[in-house]
N, C-alpha and C. Protein backbone atom coordinates (compact mmCIF):
# COMPACT_ATOMS: atom_id res chain seq x y z
N MET A 1 51.75 58.99 -51.70
CA MET A 1 52.35 59.52 -50.81
C MET A 1 52.89 58.72 -49.50
N GLY A 2 54.08 59.33 -48.95
CA GLY A 2 53.98 58.33 -47.52
C GLY A 2 54.46 56.91 -46.93
N ASP A 3 54.80 56.21 -46.03
CA ASP A 3 54.99 55.05 -46.40
C ASP A 3 53.48 53.90 -46.18
N LEU A 4 54.25 53.25 -47.01
CA LEU A 4 53.28 51.80 -46.69
C LEU A 4 52.23 51.77 -45.65
N ALA A 5 53.09 51.44 -44.45
CA ALA A 5 52.61 51.52 -43.02
C ALA A 5 51.56 52.27 -42.33
N THR A 6 52.01 53.75 -42.77
CA THR A 6 51.02 55.02 -42.24
C THR A 6 49.46 54.26 -43.54
N TRP A 7 49.49 54.26 -44.56
CA TRP A 7 48.92 53.81 -45.61
C TRP A 7 47.74 52.60 -44.69
N LYS A 8 48.67 51.72 -44.38
CA LYS A 8 47.77 50.18 -43.90
C LYS A 8 46.81 50.86 -42.68
N LYS A 9 47.53 52.04 -41.92
CA LYS A 9 46.86 52.62 -40.88
C LYS A 9 45.72 53.22 -40.84
N ALA A 10 45.45 53.94 -42.10
CA ALA A 10 44.45 54.68 -42.63
C ALA A 10 43.39 53.95 -42.75
N GLU A 11 43.43 52.95 -43.82
CA GLU A 11 42.80 52.27 -44.52
C GLU A 11 41.96 51.47 -42.89
N ALA A 12 42.91 50.76 -42.01
CA ALA A 12 42.08 50.09 -40.91
C ALA A 12 41.10 50.75 -40.42
N ALA A 13 41.78 52.34 -40.06
CA ALA A 13 40.61 53.01 -39.23
C ALA A 13 39.33 52.80 -40.06
N LEU A 14 39.25 53.34 -41.28
CA LEU A 14 38.34 53.80 -42.35
C LEU A 14 37.48 52.22 -41.95
N LYS A 15 38.28 50.97 -42.40
CA LYS A 15 37.14 49.79 -42.26
C LYS A 15 36.91 49.67 -40.72
N GLU A 16 37.57 50.20 -39.76
CA GLU A 16 36.84 50.06 -38.40
C GLU A 16 35.28 50.86 -38.11
N ALA A 17 35.64 52.08 -38.54
CA ALA A 17 34.36 53.01 -38.80
C ALA A 17 33.55 52.58 -39.66
N LEU A 18 33.18 51.75 -40.94
CA LEU A 18 32.37 50.92 -41.64
C LEU A 18 31.59 50.10 -41.34
N ILE A 19 32.61 49.04 -40.30
CA ILE A 19 32.34 48.00 -39.76
C ILE A 19 31.08 48.52 -38.24
N GLU A 20 31.76 49.47 -37.74
CA GLU A 20 31.02 49.75 -36.85
C GLU A 20 29.33 50.89 -37.01
N PHE A 21 29.78 51.19 -38.57
CA PHE A 21 28.49 52.02 -39.45
C PHE A 21 27.26 50.80 -39.16
N GLY A 22 27.84 49.75 -40.24
CA GLY A 22 26.55 48.31 -39.77
C GLY A 22 26.03 48.48 -41.24
N LYS A 23 26.43 49.11 -42.12
CA LYS A 23 25.56 49.23 -43.46
C LYS A 23 26.86 48.79 -44.85
N PRO A 24 26.32 48.16 -45.81
CA PRO A 24 26.78 47.54 -46.58
C PRO A 24 27.84 48.39 -47.22
N TRP A 25 29.68 47.59 -47.81
CA TRP A 25 30.35 48.52 -48.65
C TRP A 25 31.37 47.81 -48.77
N GLU A 26 32.05 48.37 -49.73
CA GLU A 26 33.55 47.00 -50.50
C GLU A 26 34.11 48.04 -50.77
N VAL A 27 35.48 47.39 -50.83
CA VAL A 27 36.64 48.39 -50.94
C VAL A 27 36.80 48.42 -52.44
N ASN A 28 37.09 49.29 -52.63
CA ASN A 28 37.40 50.06 -54.53
C ASN A 28 38.64 49.82 -54.56
N GLU A 29 39.73 49.19 -54.78
CA GLU A 29 41.02 48.73 -55.05
C GLU A 29 41.81 50.08 -55.84
N GLY A 30 42.47 50.89 -55.09
CA GLY A 30 43.59 51.72 -56.64
C GLY A 30 42.84 52.92 -56.38
N ASP A 31 41.59 53.29 -55.74
CA ASP A 31 40.50 54.28 -55.89
C ASP A 31 41.09 55.38 -55.00
N GLY A 32 41.92 55.30 -53.52
CA GLY A 32 42.31 56.23 -53.17
C GLY A 32 42.82 57.51 -53.58
N ALA A 33 42.60 58.86 -52.91
CA ALA A 33 43.87 59.86 -52.83
C ALA A 33 45.16 59.92 -52.77
N PHE A 34 45.84 60.66 -53.59
CA PHE A 34 47.73 60.45 -53.53
C PHE A 34 47.75 60.34 -51.90
N TYR A 35 47.06 61.26 -51.05
CA TYR A 35 47.61 61.12 -50.01
C TYR A 35 46.59 59.90 -48.67
N GLY A 36 45.94 59.69 -49.45
CA GLY A 36 45.30 58.31 -48.14
C GLY A 36 44.16 57.54 -48.80
N PRO A 37 43.74 56.91 -48.06
CA PRO A 37 42.49 56.05 -48.19
C PRO A 37 41.23 57.22 -48.08
N LYS A 38 40.22 56.62 -48.46
CA LYS A 38 38.61 57.85 -48.43
C LYS A 38 37.49 56.50 -48.73
N ILE A 39 36.60 56.96 -47.88
CA ILE A 39 35.39 56.31 -48.17
C ILE A 39 34.34 57.40 -49.01
N ASP A 40 33.83 56.86 -49.78
CA ASP A 40 33.06 57.86 -51.36
C ASP A 40 31.42 57.28 -50.64
N ILE A 41 30.22 57.29 -50.93
CA ILE A 41 29.03 57.25 -50.76
C ILE A 41 28.66 57.69 -52.46
N THR A 42 28.38 56.37 -52.81
CA THR A 42 27.31 56.41 -54.78
C THR A 42 26.24 55.90 -54.16
N VAL A 43 25.39 56.70 -54.72
CA VAL A 43 23.80 56.58 -54.72
C VAL A 43 23.36 56.72 -56.34
N SER A 44 22.62 55.88 -56.22
CA SER A 44 21.86 55.26 -57.55
C SER A 44 20.51 56.26 -57.96
N ASP A 45 20.52 56.95 -58.97
CA ASP A 45 19.30 57.62 -59.15
C ASP A 45 18.35 56.79 -60.25
N ALA A 46 17.15 57.32 -60.76
CA ALA A 46 16.06 56.74 -61.12
C ALA A 46 16.24 56.08 -62.31
N LEU A 47 16.97 55.89 -62.96
CA LEU A 47 17.89 55.08 -64.09
C LEU A 47 18.94 54.39 -63.70
N ASN A 48 18.79 53.92 -62.18
CA ASN A 48 19.90 52.82 -61.89
C ASN A 48 21.53 53.53 -62.58
N ARG A 49 21.65 54.69 -62.49
CA ARG A 49 22.91 55.20 -62.78
C ARG A 49 23.23 55.80 -61.15
N ASP A 50 25.05 55.27 -60.99
CA ASP A 50 25.55 55.57 -59.91
C ASP A 50 26.27 56.75 -60.21
N HIS A 51 26.33 57.68 -58.98
CA HIS A 51 26.36 58.69 -58.68
C HIS A 51 27.21 59.36 -57.29
N GLN A 52 28.55 59.22 -57.45
CA GLN A 52 29.68 59.76 -56.26
C GLN A 52 29.57 60.90 -55.73
N LEU A 53 28.69 60.85 -54.33
CA LEU A 53 28.65 61.79 -53.89
C LEU A 53 29.46 62.53 -52.69
N ALA A 54 29.15 62.12 -51.33
CA ALA A 54 29.79 62.59 -50.25
C ALA A 54 31.41 61.64 -50.00
N THR A 55 31.99 62.35 -49.59
CA THR A 55 33.61 61.64 -49.59
C THR A 55 34.02 61.78 -48.20
N LEU A 56 35.01 61.17 -47.58
CA LEU A 56 35.54 61.17 -46.72
C LEU A 56 36.83 60.42 -46.46
N GLN A 57 37.59 61.33 -46.20
CA GLN A 57 39.62 61.57 -46.40
C GLN A 57 40.14 61.52 -45.35
N LEU A 58 41.04 60.44 -44.82
CA LEU A 58 41.93 59.93 -43.97
C LEU A 58 42.91 60.43 -44.56
N ASP A 59 44.10 61.68 -43.80
CA ASP A 59 44.89 62.33 -44.02
C ASP A 59 46.03 62.18 -42.93
N PHE A 60 46.75 60.95 -42.83
CA PHE A 60 48.00 61.43 -42.26
C PHE A 60 49.20 61.95 -42.80
N GLN A 61 49.28 62.03 -44.29
CA GLN A 61 50.40 62.57 -44.82
C GLN A 61 50.90 64.50 -44.11
N LEU A 62 50.05 65.25 -44.75
CA LEU A 62 49.77 66.61 -45.09
C LEU A 62 50.35 67.19 -43.65
N PRO A 63 49.24 66.38 -42.28
CA PRO A 63 49.93 67.28 -41.08
C PRO A 63 51.23 66.84 -40.63
N ASN A 64 51.96 65.67 -41.33
CA ASN A 64 52.91 65.31 -41.39
C ASN A 64 54.25 66.45 -41.99
N ARG A 65 53.94 67.02 -43.55
CA ARG A 65 54.55 67.76 -44.37
C ARG A 65 54.31 69.01 -43.88
N PHE A 66 53.41 69.72 -43.29
CA PHE A 66 53.52 70.99 -42.75
C PHE A 66 53.73 71.15 -41.39
N LYS A 67 54.14 69.88 -40.71
CA LYS A 67 54.48 70.33 -39.38
C LYS A 67 53.70 70.51 -38.17
N LEU A 68 52.78 69.79 -38.20
CA LEU A 68 51.64 69.94 -37.47
C LEU A 68 51.87 69.55 -36.40
N TYR A 69 51.50 70.06 -35.23
CA TYR A 69 51.41 69.07 -34.10
C TYR A 69 50.41 69.66 -32.88
N TYR A 70 49.23 69.17 -32.28
CA TYR A 70 48.68 69.67 -30.74
C TYR A 70 49.38 68.88 -29.66
N SER A 71 49.02 69.57 -28.41
CA SER A 71 49.38 69.61 -27.04
C SER A 71 48.23 68.74 -27.00
N ALA A 72 48.74 67.08 -26.21
CA ALA A 72 47.94 65.95 -26.26
C ALA A 72 47.73 66.25 -24.55
N GLU A 73 45.77 65.46 -24.23
CA GLU A 73 45.46 65.80 -22.82
C GLU A 73 46.48 65.43 -22.06
N GLY A 74 46.73 66.16 -20.84
CA GLY A 74 47.51 65.31 -19.80
C GLY A 74 48.45 66.18 -19.08
N GLU A 75 49.44 65.84 -18.16
CA GLU A 75 49.99 66.90 -17.09
C GLU A 75 51.61 67.20 -18.00
N ASP A 76 51.66 66.11 -19.28
CA ASP A 76 53.26 66.51 -19.50
C ASP A 76 52.75 67.82 -21.15
N GLY A 77 51.33 67.40 -21.35
CA GLY A 77 51.12 68.16 -22.35
C GLY A 77 52.59 67.58 -23.63
N LYS A 78 52.25 66.05 -23.57
CA LYS A 78 53.22 65.80 -25.24
C LYS A 78 53.15 66.23 -26.13
N LEU A 79 53.67 66.72 -27.31
CA LEU A 79 53.11 67.44 -28.67
C LEU A 79 52.64 66.01 -29.63
N GLU A 80 51.55 65.96 -30.26
CA GLU A 80 50.93 64.57 -30.99
C GLU A 80 51.07 65.29 -32.14
N ARG A 81 50.87 64.43 -33.50
CA ARG A 81 50.80 64.65 -34.55
C ARG A 81 48.88 64.40 -35.19
N PRO A 82 48.33 65.40 -35.42
CA PRO A 82 47.12 65.28 -35.96
C PRO A 82 46.82 64.75 -36.77
N VAL A 83 45.59 63.82 -37.28
CA VAL A 83 45.00 63.12 -38.74
C VAL A 83 43.90 64.08 -39.15
N MET A 84 44.28 64.30 -40.52
CA MET A 84 43.60 65.67 -41.25
C MET A 84 42.12 65.07 -41.73
N ILE A 85 41.56 65.11 -41.42
CA ILE A 85 39.73 64.44 -41.96
C ILE A 85 39.57 65.72 -43.02
N HIS A 86 39.56 65.01 -44.88
CA HIS A 86 38.88 65.85 -45.54
C HIS A 86 37.51 65.13 -45.72
N ARG A 87 36.40 66.23 -45.72
CA ARG A 87 34.87 65.85 -45.60
C ARG A 87 34.02 66.81 -46.17
N ALA A 88 33.30 66.07 -46.89
CA ALA A 88 32.22 66.79 -48.27
C ALA A 88 31.13 65.77 -48.26
N VAL A 89 30.23 66.27 -47.05
CA VAL A 89 28.92 66.23 -46.68
C VAL A 89 27.57 65.64 -48.14
N LEU A 90 27.91 66.71 -48.77
CA LEU A 90 27.15 66.66 -50.04
C LEU A 90 27.62 66.18 -51.35
N GLY A 91 29.49 66.33 -51.60
CA GLY A 91 30.18 66.16 -52.59
C GLY A 91 29.69 67.55 -53.21
N SER A 92 29.32 67.37 -55.20
CA SER A 92 28.92 68.73 -55.56
C SER A 92 27.13 68.83 -55.59
N VAL A 93 26.61 70.27 -54.83
CA VAL A 93 25.50 70.34 -54.51
C VAL A 93 24.85 70.06 -55.80
N GLU A 94 25.32 70.70 -56.42
CA GLU A 94 24.65 70.53 -57.95
C GLU A 94 24.13 69.23 -57.70
N ARG A 95 25.15 68.71 -58.37
CA ARG A 95 24.77 67.32 -58.87
C ARG A 95 24.14 66.71 -57.13
N MET A 96 24.40 66.64 -56.40
CA MET A 96 23.46 66.52 -55.34
C MET A 96 21.84 66.81 -55.57
N LEU A 97 21.57 67.98 -55.67
CA LEU A 97 20.18 68.37 -56.39
C LEU A 97 19.22 67.65 -57.37
N ALA A 98 20.16 67.38 -58.54
CA ALA A 98 20.10 67.00 -59.77
C ALA A 98 19.30 65.59 -59.40
N VAL A 99 20.43 64.98 -58.58
CA VAL A 99 19.98 63.30 -58.06
C VAL A 99 18.69 62.95 -56.91
N LEU A 100 18.83 64.16 -56.27
CA LEU A 100 17.25 63.69 -55.80
C LEU A 100 15.94 64.04 -56.54
N LEU A 101 16.41 65.13 -57.05
CA LEU A 101 15.34 65.89 -58.20
C LEU A 101 14.85 64.69 -58.81
N GLU A 102 15.48 64.29 -59.67
CA GLU A 102 15.68 62.79 -60.92
C GLU A 102 14.66 62.19 -59.91
N HIS A 103 15.02 61.59 -58.78
CA HIS A 103 14.92 60.54 -57.89
C HIS A 103 13.13 60.65 -57.61
N TYR A 104 13.12 61.54 -56.97
CA TYR A 104 12.17 62.13 -56.16
C TYR A 104 10.92 62.59 -57.21
N LYS A 105 11.43 63.18 -58.29
CA LYS A 105 10.12 63.55 -59.65
C LYS A 105 9.87 64.87 -59.25
N GLY A 106 10.42 65.69 -58.11
CA GLY A 106 9.96 66.65 -58.07
C GLY A 106 9.11 66.62 -57.05
N LYS A 107 8.79 65.55 -56.19
CA LYS A 107 7.73 65.16 -55.23
C LYS A 107 8.50 65.29 -54.03
N TRP A 108 9.45 65.69 -53.06
CA TRP A 108 10.06 66.33 -51.92
C TRP A 108 9.14 65.44 -50.96
N PRO A 109 9.75 64.76 -50.12
CA PRO A 109 9.71 63.84 -48.90
C PRO A 109 9.52 64.88 -48.11
N PHE A 110 8.74 65.04 -47.09
CA PHE A 110 8.06 65.67 -45.93
C PHE A 110 9.01 66.36 -45.48
N TRP A 111 10.59 65.09 -44.99
CA TRP A 111 11.71 65.95 -44.12
C TRP A 111 12.52 66.92 -44.85
N LEU A 112 12.76 66.82 -46.29
CA LEU A 112 13.46 67.49 -47.11
C LEU A 112 12.73 68.85 -48.64
N SER A 113 11.45 68.46 -47.83
CA SER A 113 10.69 69.60 -48.32
C SER A 113 10.74 70.92 -48.24
N PRO A 114 10.79 72.14 -49.39
CA PRO A 114 10.48 73.08 -48.91
C PRO A 114 8.54 74.02 -49.01
N ARG A 115 7.99 72.89 -49.21
CA ARG A 115 6.66 73.19 -49.10
C ARG A 115 5.98 72.03 -48.07
N GLN A 116 6.63 72.15 -46.90
CA GLN A 116 5.75 70.84 -46.34
C GLN A 116 4.27 71.01 -45.80
N ALA A 117 3.68 72.55 -45.76
CA ALA A 117 2.09 72.14 -45.31
C ALA A 117 1.81 73.97 -46.10
N ILE A 118 0.46 73.66 -45.91
CA ILE A 118 -0.18 74.71 -46.22
C ILE A 118 -1.49 74.73 -45.85
N VAL A 119 -2.09 76.45 -44.98
CA VAL A 119 -3.16 76.13 -44.67
C VAL A 119 -4.09 76.54 -45.40
N CYS A 120 -4.92 76.20 -45.55
CA CYS A 120 -6.31 77.22 -46.73
C CYS A 120 -7.38 77.68 -46.07
N PRO A 121 -7.69 78.66 -45.57
CA PRO A 121 -8.59 78.63 -45.17
C PRO A 121 -10.12 79.09 -45.78
N VAL A 122 -10.92 78.47 -45.28
CA VAL A 122 -12.32 78.24 -46.08
C VAL A 122 -12.56 79.56 -46.31
N SER A 123 -12.71 80.63 -45.29
CA SER A 123 -13.33 82.10 -45.69
C SER A 123 -12.13 82.88 -45.33
N HIS A 124 -12.56 84.43 -45.02
CA HIS A 124 -11.69 85.56 -44.65
C HIS A 124 -11.94 85.47 -42.69
N THR A 125 -13.24 84.98 -42.68
CA THR A 125 -13.44 84.98 -41.10
C THR A 125 -12.48 83.73 -40.72
N ALA A 126 -11.89 82.92 -41.22
CA ALA A 126 -11.48 81.96 -40.43
C ALA A 126 -9.36 81.92 -40.57
N LEU A 127 -9.52 83.06 -41.63
CA LEU A 127 -8.36 83.98 -41.99
C LEU A 127 -7.15 83.77 -40.67
N PRO A 128 -7.97 84.64 -39.24
CA PRO A 128 -6.96 84.91 -37.74
C PRO A 128 -6.43 82.99 -37.63
N TYR A 129 -7.86 81.85 -37.80
CA TYR A 129 -6.97 81.18 -36.97
C TYR A 129 -5.94 80.16 -37.59
N ALA A 130 -6.45 80.62 -39.48
CA ALA A 130 -5.23 80.02 -40.12
C ALA A 130 -4.20 80.07 -39.88
N LEU A 131 -3.61 81.58 -39.66
CA LEU A 131 -2.81 82.53 -39.38
C LEU A 131 -1.98 81.46 -37.65
N HIS A 132 -2.59 81.58 -36.94
CA HIS A 132 -2.55 80.30 -36.01
C HIS A 132 -2.05 79.52 -35.84
N VAL A 133 -2.60 78.43 -36.99
CA VAL A 133 -2.35 77.34 -37.47
C VAL A 133 -0.83 77.50 -37.66
N LEU A 134 -0.53 78.39 -38.24
CA LEU A 134 0.78 78.64 -39.00
C LEU A 134 1.68 78.73 -38.30
N ASP A 135 1.28 79.78 -37.14
CA ASP A 135 2.14 79.93 -36.33
C ASP A 135 2.77 78.90 -35.24
N GLN A 136 1.82 78.16 -35.07
CA GLN A 136 2.17 77.06 -34.26
C GLN A 136 3.30 76.22 -35.39
N LEU A 137 3.27 75.61 -35.93
CA LEU A 137 3.68 75.04 -37.14
C LEU A 137 5.34 75.65 -37.03
N TYR A 138 5.06 77.07 -37.67
CA TYR A 138 6.71 77.77 -38.03
C TYR A 138 7.16 77.20 -36.94
N GLN A 139 6.64 77.80 -35.61
CA GLN A 139 7.63 77.32 -34.61
C GLN A 139 8.05 76.29 -34.03
N ALA A 140 7.79 75.47 -34.38
CA ALA A 140 8.21 73.52 -34.45
C ALA A 140 8.68 73.52 -35.33
N GLY A 141 9.59 74.49 -36.27
CA GLY A 141 10.50 74.35 -37.45
C GLY A 141 9.73 73.92 -38.58
N TYR A 142 8.35 73.88 -39.20
CA TYR A 142 8.43 73.71 -40.55
C TYR A 142 8.25 74.29 -41.32
N TYR A 143 8.40 74.20 -42.63
CA TYR A 143 8.17 75.18 -43.96
C TYR A 143 6.63 75.02 -44.17
N VAL A 144 5.57 76.38 -43.78
CA VAL A 144 4.55 76.23 -43.66
C VAL A 144 4.07 77.02 -44.33
N ASP A 145 2.94 77.72 -45.50
CA ASP A 145 2.54 78.79 -45.84
C ASP A 145 0.92 78.95 -45.92
N VAL A 146 0.27 79.92 -45.80
CA VAL A 146 -0.75 80.32 -45.88
C VAL A 146 -1.21 80.80 -47.27
N ASP A 147 -2.44 80.62 -47.66
CA ASP A 147 -3.51 81.04 -49.19
C ASP A 147 -4.66 81.74 -48.35
N THR A 148 -3.97 83.25 -48.54
CA THR A 148 -4.54 84.28 -48.41
C THR A 148 -5.70 84.91 -49.53
N SER A 149 -5.60 84.58 -50.29
CA SER A 149 -6.62 85.15 -51.57
C SER A 149 -7.90 84.56 -51.54
N ASP A 150 -8.41 85.48 -52.03
CA ASP A 150 -10.39 85.07 -52.06
C ASP A 150 -10.51 84.20 -53.20
N LYS A 151 -9.89 83.21 -53.51
CA LYS A 151 -10.41 81.91 -54.25
C LYS A 151 -10.93 80.98 -53.78
N THR A 152 -11.56 80.58 -54.49
CA THR A 152 -12.89 79.84 -54.10
C THR A 152 -11.74 78.47 -52.92
N ILE A 153 -12.41 77.45 -52.14
CA ILE A 153 -11.38 76.76 -51.19
C ILE A 153 -11.50 75.75 -52.37
N GLN A 154 -12.07 74.81 -53.27
CA GLN A 154 -11.66 74.58 -54.05
C GLN A 154 -10.33 74.75 -55.27
N LYS A 155 -10.08 75.84 -55.39
CA LYS A 155 -8.96 76.21 -56.32
C LYS A 155 -8.11 76.49 -55.41
N LYS A 156 -8.36 76.85 -53.97
CA LYS A 156 -6.72 76.89 -52.98
C LYS A 156 -6.24 75.68 -52.91
N VAL A 157 -7.51 74.15 -52.97
CA VAL A 157 -6.66 72.83 -52.92
C VAL A 157 -6.22 72.61 -54.03
N ARG A 158 -6.72 72.83 -54.62
CA ARG A 158 -6.05 72.72 -56.08
C ARG A 158 -4.51 73.29 -56.71
N GLN A 159 -4.98 74.99 -56.60
CA GLN A 159 -3.63 75.16 -56.66
C GLN A 159 -1.95 74.79 -55.89
N ALA A 160 -2.74 74.26 -54.08
CA ALA A 160 -1.70 73.53 -53.62
C ALA A 160 -1.74 72.00 -54.08
N GLN A 161 -2.33 71.70 -54.40
CA GLN A 161 -1.49 70.22 -55.29
C GLN A 161 -0.84 70.38 -56.21
N MET A 162 -0.78 71.47 -56.75
CA MET A 162 -0.08 71.73 -58.08
C MET A 162 1.30 72.03 -57.56
N ALA A 163 1.10 72.53 -56.77
CA ALA A 163 2.03 73.12 -56.18
C ALA A 163 3.45 72.33 -55.59
N GLN A 164 2.74 71.05 -55.19
CA GLN A 164 3.37 69.50 -54.65
C GLN A 164 3.55 70.39 -53.26
N TYR A 165 2.46 70.59 -52.32
CA TYR A 165 3.14 70.50 -50.95
C TYR A 165 2.89 69.33 -49.98
N ASN A 166 2.99 68.94 -49.59
CA ASN A 166 3.05 67.76 -48.68
C ASN A 166 1.90 67.48 -47.66
N TYR A 167 1.16 68.48 -47.48
CA TYR A 167 0.02 68.64 -46.79
C TYR A 167 -0.86 69.69 -46.87
N ILE A 168 -1.56 69.53 -46.93
CA ILE A 168 -2.95 70.62 -47.38
C ILE A 168 -3.79 70.55 -46.13
N LEU A 169 -3.61 71.67 -45.45
CA LEU A 169 -4.98 72.17 -44.13
C LEU A 169 -5.68 72.77 -44.47
N VAL A 170 -7.14 72.72 -44.38
CA VAL A 170 -7.95 73.71 -44.50
C VAL A 170 -9.02 73.53 -43.51
N VAL A 171 -9.23 74.91 -43.14
CA VAL A 171 -9.87 75.35 -41.78
C VAL A 171 -11.18 75.92 -41.89
N GLY A 172 -11.88 76.11 -41.17
CA GLY A 172 -13.41 76.32 -41.86
C GLY A 172 -13.88 77.28 -40.21
N ALA A 173 -15.11 76.95 -40.42
CA ALA A 173 -15.69 77.38 -38.88
C ALA A 173 -15.93 76.11 -37.65
N GLU A 174 -16.32 75.03 -38.46
CA GLU A 174 -16.10 74.03 -38.04
C GLU A 174 -14.98 73.54 -37.04
N GLU A 175 -13.89 73.82 -38.02
CA GLU A 175 -12.65 73.75 -37.17
C GLU A 175 -11.72 74.62 -36.72
N VAL A 176 -12.45 75.81 -36.57
CA VAL A 176 -11.81 77.26 -35.86
C VAL A 176 -13.10 76.89 -34.63
N GLN A 177 -14.22 76.39 -34.19
CA GLN A 177 -15.07 75.83 -33.23
C GLN A 177 -13.87 75.09 -32.55
N ASN A 178 -13.79 74.05 -32.74
CA ASN A 178 -13.22 72.43 -32.30
C ASN A 178 -11.56 73.06 -32.16
N GLY A 179 -10.88 73.69 -32.73
CA GLY A 179 -9.54 73.86 -32.66
C GLY A 179 -8.53 72.47 -33.41
N GLN A 180 -9.22 72.28 -34.33
CA GLN A 180 -8.51 71.46 -35.61
C GLN A 180 -8.26 71.80 -36.67
N VAL A 181 -7.86 71.07 -37.69
CA VAL A 181 -7.92 70.97 -38.67
C VAL A 181 -8.06 69.65 -39.75
N SER A 182 -8.41 69.88 -41.16
CA SER A 182 -8.71 69.08 -41.78
C SER A 182 -7.47 68.75 -42.71
N VAL A 183 -6.94 67.70 -42.66
CA VAL A 183 -5.48 67.26 -43.27
C VAL A 183 -5.99 66.48 -44.39
N ARG A 184 -5.16 67.10 -45.97
CA ARG A 184 -5.16 66.37 -46.91
C ARG A 184 -3.65 65.92 -47.52
N VAL A 185 -3.18 64.65 -47.61
CA VAL A 185 -1.87 64.58 -47.90
C VAL A 185 -1.94 64.17 -49.37
N ARG A 186 -0.30 64.89 -49.43
CA ARG A 186 -0.52 64.36 -50.66
C ARG A 186 -0.64 63.48 -51.83
N ASP A 187 -1.55 63.42 -52.80
CA ASP A 187 -1.20 61.60 -54.07
C ASP A 187 -2.37 61.42 -53.38
N LYS A 188 -3.05 61.43 -51.92
CA LYS A 188 -4.46 60.63 -51.36
C LYS A 188 -5.45 61.50 -51.47
N GLY A 189 -6.39 61.20 -51.15
CA GLY A 189 -7.91 61.33 -51.37
C GLY A 189 -8.55 61.70 -50.04
N ASP A 190 -8.07 61.11 -49.38
CA ASP A 190 -8.92 61.05 -48.10
C ASP A 190 -8.41 62.34 -47.41
N VAL A 191 -9.59 62.51 -46.78
CA VAL A 191 -8.81 63.75 -45.76
C VAL A 191 -9.85 63.38 -43.98
N THR A 192 -8.28 63.58 -43.02
CA THR A 192 -8.14 63.60 -41.81
C THR A 192 -8.30 64.56 -40.70
N VAL A 193 -9.26 64.77 -39.78
CA VAL A 193 -9.43 65.76 -38.79
C VAL A 193 -8.46 65.77 -37.54
N MET A 194 -7.49 66.55 -37.43
CA MET A 194 -6.47 66.35 -36.40
C MET A 194 -6.96 67.51 -35.64
N SER A 195 -6.17 67.24 -34.54
CA SER A 195 -6.04 68.43 -33.73
C SER A 195 -4.54 69.08 -33.39
N MET A 196 -4.28 70.07 -33.08
CA MET A 196 -3.07 70.62 -33.74
C MET A 196 -2.27 70.14 -32.45
N ASP A 197 -2.10 69.09 -31.74
CA ASP A 197 -1.20 68.56 -31.09
C ASP A 197 -1.41 67.26 -31.70
N GLY A 198 -2.21 66.35 -32.25
CA GLY A 198 -1.92 65.24 -33.19
C GLY A 198 -1.60 65.80 -34.58
N LEU A 199 -1.43 66.74 -35.24
CA LEU A 199 -0.94 67.13 -35.75
C LEU A 199 0.77 67.61 -35.74
N LEU A 200 0.87 67.89 -35.15
CA LEU A 200 2.37 67.98 -34.74
C LEU A 200 3.17 66.60 -34.28
N GLN A 201 2.14 65.92 -33.77
CA GLN A 201 2.81 64.80 -33.58
C GLN A 201 3.07 64.33 -34.77
N HIS A 202 2.19 63.74 -35.48
CA HIS A 202 2.31 63.03 -36.76
C HIS A 202 3.63 63.89 -37.72
N PHE A 203 3.44 65.03 -37.84
CA PHE A 203 4.73 65.95 -38.57
C PHE A 203 6.23 65.27 -37.84
N GLU A 204 6.22 65.28 -36.60
CA GLU A 204 7.44 65.10 -35.90
C GLU A 204 7.73 63.75 -35.89
N ASP A 205 6.09 62.35 -36.11
CA ASP A 205 6.96 60.89 -36.45
C ASP A 205 7.52 60.86 -38.17
N GLN A 206 6.67 61.31 -39.01
CA GLN A 206 6.88 61.95 -40.41
C GLN A 206 8.60 62.06 -40.62
N VAL A 207 8.94 63.04 -39.68
CA VAL A 207 10.58 63.45 -39.71
C VAL A 207 11.35 62.11 -39.19
N GLU A 208 10.92 61.60 -38.15
CA GLU A 208 11.60 60.55 -37.40
C GLU A 208 11.62 59.32 -38.12
N ALA A 209 10.96 59.37 -39.09
CA ALA A 209 10.82 57.97 -39.69
C ALA A 209 11.83 57.68 -41.28
N PHE A 210 12.25 58.88 -41.05
CA PHE A 210 13.79 59.17 -42.37
C PHE A 210 14.94 58.92 -41.61
N HIS A 211 15.08 59.78 -40.14
CA HIS A 211 16.04 58.68 -39.23
C HIS A 211 16.27 57.89 -39.27
């Protein structure tokens, strides 16, 4: 659709954007949409199969066919033809989730996890402090639960491990007194004692490491 010059103009704009992005890319000849070229994001799953997910398409044609205009900045308010951007950030949501589940084998990374942390009080006397820890983490924007059951701390930790929480935060009398938490990281056996400020900074660092 449209003339060759317009198509080349759209291609040049997309190539310029990809070069500025700075990541590897390649041209897939003949794979554009009928109304213009596009950027497809392809990812590999755990079995090295490629899946096309996100897409971004630059469309000079439909605004022309629908006779769309906008008033440009400036005193004269000249009418200009817009460029339409077709954007699907995830592509198919179901396909994206399937690829992520298979890739991470159900163990979501911290930045994406719906179970980022769980607070496990050793006893009911530590429950108010556990709820305080929950509130601080929740206010900071993290997904956190509290185990309020009567189970032993060993069973609480085991269940949290089976549920694939990224962090298990154990609080007992000593943690309550010192305003700290005992931190267990998923798939690691060591325990680290942290202040709340230190834990919040650690969580922030984990999110920033993804970006």
